[in-house]
Amino acid sequence: MKRSYRGVILLCAVLFLNIIFTQKAIHQYYYEDYTATVIYAILNIILFPIALFIYHKEKNV
């Protein structure tokens, strides 16, 4: 099961965005900006199916 560089780089990018959105959500929650907190949390949740799609596509190659 050989991985391509494209899939690994895309998964790393998704993980990087996941970390950024989590940090921003925590930061906005600390400053009581709950609207931004919910937006970042939703963006974080949207990234999960994208990561699964990339993983399954690379797994079946």
C-alpha atoms as a PDB file:
ATOM      1  CA  MET A   1       0.000   0.000   0.000  1.00  0.00           C
ATOM      2  CA  LYS A   2       2.088   2.838  -1.340  1.00  0.00           C
ATOM      3  CA  ARG A   3       1.043   6.421  -0.604  1.00  0.00           C
ATOM      4  CA  SER A   4       1.398   9.262  -3.042  1.00  0.00           C
ATOM      5  CA  TYR A   5       2.960  12.551  -2.040  1.00  0.00           C
ATOM      6  CA  ARG A   6      -0.190  14.394  -3.079  1.00  0.00           C
ATOM      7  CA  GLY A   7      -2.370  12.504  -0.595  1.00  0.00           C
ATOM      8  CA  VAL A   8       0.077  12.903   2.259  1.00  0.00           C
ATOM      9  CA  ILE A   9       0.442  16.634   1.591  1.00  0.00           C
ATOM     10  CA  LEU A  10      -3.338  17.090   1.406  1.00  0.00           C
ATOM     11  CA  LEU A  11      -3.842  15.226   4.683  1.00  0.00           C
ATOM     12  CA  CYS A  12      -1.126  17.339   6.312  1.00  0.00           C
ATOM     13  CA  ALA A  13      -2.862  20.486   5.059  1.00  0.00           C
ATOM     14  CA  VAL A  14      -6.187  19.319   6.497  1.00  0.00           C
ATOM     15  CA  LEU A  15      -4.523  18.546   9.827  1.00  0.00           C
ATOM     16  CA  PHE A  16      -2.859  21.965   9.813  1.00  0.00           C
ATOM     17  CA  LEU A  17      -6.221  23.664   9.191  1.00  0.00           C
ATOM     18  CA  ASN A  18      -7.791  21.537  11.909  1.00  0.00           C
ATOM     19  CA  ILE A  19      -5.183  22.724  14.423  1.00  0.00           C
ATOM     20  CA  ILE A  20      -5.630  26.364  13.369  1.00  0.00           C
ATOM     21  CA  PHE A  21      -9.431  26.253  13.612  1.00  0.00           C
ATOM     22  CA  THR A  22      -9.248  24.573  17.023  1.00  0.00           C
ATOM     23  CA  GLN A  23      -6.865  27.222  18.345  1.00  0.00           C
ATOM     24  CA  LYS A  24      -9.008  30.036  16.953  1.00  0.00           C
ATOM     25  CA  ALA A  25     -12.181  28.515  18.454  1.00  0.00           C
ATOM     26  CA  ILE A  26     -10.558  28.285  21.886  1.00  0.00           C
ATOM     27  CA  HIS A  27      -9.209  31.820  21.578  1.00  0.00           C
ATOM     28  CA  GLN A  28     -12.607  33.229  20.598  1.00  0.00           C
ATOM     29  CA  TYR A  29     -14.329  31.288  23.387  1.00  0.00           C
ATOM     30  CA  TYR A  30     -11.876  32.780  25.892  1.00  0.00           C
ATOM     31  CA  TYR A  31     -12.799  36.287  24.704  1.00  0.00           C
ATOM     32  CA  GLU A  32     -16.520  35.399  24.755  1.00  0.00           C
ATOM     33  CA  ASP A  33     -17.087  35.817  21.027  1.00  0.00           C
ATOM     34  CA  TYR A  34     -19.435  32.850  20.774  1.00  0.00           C
ATOM     35  CA  THR A  35     -20.518  33.461  17.179  1.00  0.00           C
ATOM     36  CA  ALA A  36     -16.935  33.125  15.943  1.00  0.00           C
ATOM     37  CA  THR A  37     -16.464  30.122  18.227  1.00  0.00           C
ATOM     38  CA  VAL A  38     -19.377  28.314  16.594  1.00  0.00           C
ATOM     39  CA  ILE A  39     -18.140  29.214  13.101  1.00  0.00           C
ATOM     40  CA  TYR A  40     -14.665  27.817  13.802  1.00  0.00           C
ATOM     41  CA  ALA A  41     -16.151  24.700  15.389  1.00  0.00           C
ATOM     42  CA  ILE A  42     -18.333  24.097  12.321  1.00  0.00           C
ATOM     43  CA  LEU A  43     -15.338  24.571  10.025  1.00  0.00           C
ATOM     44  CA  ASN A  44     -13.469  22.061  12.168  1.00  0.00           C
ATOM     45  CA  ILE A  45     -16.321  19.558  11.814  1.00  0.00           C
ATOM     46  CA  ILE A  46     -16.461  20.075   8.031  1.00  0.00           C
ATOM     47  CA  LEU A  47     -12.780  19.175   7.731  1.00  0.00           C
ATOM     48  CA  PHE A  48     -13.322  15.672   9.133  1.00  0.00           C
ATOM     49  CA  PRO A  49     -15.279  14.244   6.160  1.00  0.00           C
ATOM     50  CA  ILE A  50     -12.810  15.910   3.789  1.00  0.00           C
ATOM     51  CA  ALA A  51      -9.940  14.120   5.534  1.00  0.00           C
ATOM     52  CA  LEU A  52     -11.824  10.815   5.384  1.00  0.00           C
ATOM     53  CA  PHE A  53     -12.492  11.296   1.674  1.00  0.00           C
ATOM     54  CA  ILE A  54      -8.814  11.987   0.962  1.00  0.00           C
ATOM     55  CA  TYR A  55      -7.754   9.004   3.083  1.00  0.00           C
ATOM     56  CA  HIS A  56     -10.137   6.553   1.404  1.00  0.00           C
ATOM     57  CA  LYS A  57      -9.225   7.838  -2.049  1.00  0.00           C
ATOM     58  CA  GLU A  58      -5.519   7.349  -1.338  1.00  0.00           C
ATOM     59  CA  LYS A  59      -6.106   3.986   0.303  1.00  0.00           C
ATOM     60  CA  ASN A  60      -7.822   2.593  -2.793  1.00  0.00           C
ATOM     61  CA  VAL A  61      -5.153   3.778  -5.226  1.00  0.00           C
END
